[in-house]
Amino acid sequence: MVDNLYKILSAWKQIMLEIFSWIIVVFGLIGTWLTGKHNWGWLLAVVFQTMWTYYAIAIDAKALAFQSVAFGVVALRNYIVGRKI
């Protein structure tokens, strides 16, 4: 009984992670698209890079976590620089 419950919860976690990753992709693309016309698009990019970092930690993908943090820092920098122009 416990093994079946564990298998169900494990499968549910995989499904939720898959759905979450697609949500991040879609909204991340929207944020990136908006950076071309609106400086605040970079803030959306920071938010979604943070979500990618959480996702990477959840699936134990160290390289993806590093990349997400790095991209988030770059996006934040671009927002700050874009505000001054």
Protein backbone atom coordinates (compact mmCIF):
# COMPACT_ATOMS: atom_id res chain seq x y z
CA MET A 1 0.00 0.00 0.00
CA VAL A 2 2.75 2.44 0.99
CA ASP A 3 4.79 1.52 -2.10
CA ASN A 4 1.82 2.28 -4.34
CA LEU A 5 1.29 5.62 -2.64
CA TYR A 6 4.98 6.44 -3.06
CA LYS A 7 4.80 5.59 -6.77
CA ILE A 8 1.71 7.74 -7.25
CA LEU A 9 3.29 10.71 -5.45
CA SER A 10 6.51 10.28 -7.40
CA ALA A 11 4.62 10.23 -10.71
CA TRP A 12 2.59 13.28 -9.62
CA LYS A 13 5.80 15.16 -8.79
CA GLN A 14 7.21 14.40 -12.24
CA ILE A 15 4.03 15.60 -13.94
CA MET A 16 3.97 18.81 -11.90
CA LEU A 17 7.65 19.51 -12.65
CA GLU A 18 6.99 19.00 -16.36
CA ILE A 19 4.01 21.38 -16.31
CA PHE A 20 5.96 23.91 -14.24
CA SER A 21 8.86 23.86 -16.71
CA TRP A 22 6.54 24.59 -19.65
CA ILE A 23 4.92 27.46 -17.76
CA ILE A 24 8.36 28.94 -17.08
CA VAL A 25 9.31 28.57 -20.75
CA VAL A 26 6.20 30.33 -22.03
CA PHE A 27 6.32 33.25 -19.60
CA GLY A 28 10.10 33.50 -19.91
CA LEU A 29 9.72 33.95 -23.66
CA ILE A 30 7.07 36.60 -23.10
CA GLY A 31 9.41 38.44 -20.72
CA THR A 32 12.26 38.22 -23.20
CA TRP A 33 10.01 39.50 -26.00
CA LEU A 34 8.94 42.46 -23.85
CA THR A 35 12.54 43.49 -23.19
CA GLY A 36 12.72 44.76 -26.76
CA LYS A 37 10.01 47.38 -26.14
CA HIS A 38 9.78 47.79 -22.36
CA ASN A 39 12.62 47.93 -19.87
CA TRP A 40 10.45 46.23 -17.23
CA GLY A 41 10.58 43.10 -19.37
CA TRP A 42 14.00 42.54 -17.80
CA LEU A 43 12.31 42.33 -14.39
CA LEU A 44 10.08 39.56 -15.72
CA ALA A 45 13.22 37.82 -16.96
CA VAL A 46 14.68 38.04 -13.43
CA VAL A 47 11.52 36.54 -11.94
CA PHE A 48 11.47 33.65 -14.38
CA GLN A 49 15.19 32.99 -14.02
CA THR A 50 14.52 32.70 -10.29
CA MET A 51 11.81 30.15 -11.07
CA TRP A 52 14.25 28.23 -13.29
CA THR A 53 16.70 28.19 -10.39
CA TYR A 54 14.08 26.63 -8.09
CA TYR A 55 13.23 24.12 -10.80
CA ALA A 56 16.90 23.24 -11.30
CA ILE A 57 17.32 22.67 -7.58
CA ALA A 58 14.21 20.48 -7.52
CA ILE A 59 15.60 18.22 -10.25
CA ASP A 60 19.19 18.44 -8.94
CA ALA A 61 20.60 20.04 -12.10
CA LYS A 62 23.56 22.05 -10.88
CA ALA A 63 24.60 23.44 -14.27
CA LEU A 64 21.05 24.66 -14.97
CA ALA A 65 20.90 26.28 -11.53
CA PHE A 66 24.19 28.10 -12.19
CA GLN A 67 23.01 29.20 -15.64
CA SER A 68 19.72 30.49 -14.26
CA VAL A 69 21.42 32.53 -11.57
CA ALA A 70 23.89 33.95 -14.12
CA PHE A 71 21.11 34.87 -16.57
CA GLY A 72 19.14 36.44 -13.73
CA VAL A 73 22.12 38.60 -12.78
CA VAL A 74 22.56 39.69 -16.41
CA ALA A 75 18.85 40.50 -16.72
CA LEU A 76 18.94 42.55 -13.51
CA ARG A 77 22.00 44.41 -14.77
CA ASN A 78 20.27 45.14 -18.08
CA TYR A 79 17.22 46.47 -16.24
CA ILE A 80 19.36 48.79 -14.11
CA VAL A 81 21.38 50.04 -17.09
CA GLY A 82 18.22 50.48 -19.19
CA ARG A 83 16.61 52.60 -16.48
CA LYS A 84 19.43 55.12 -16.62
CA ILE A 85 19.11 55.71 -20.36
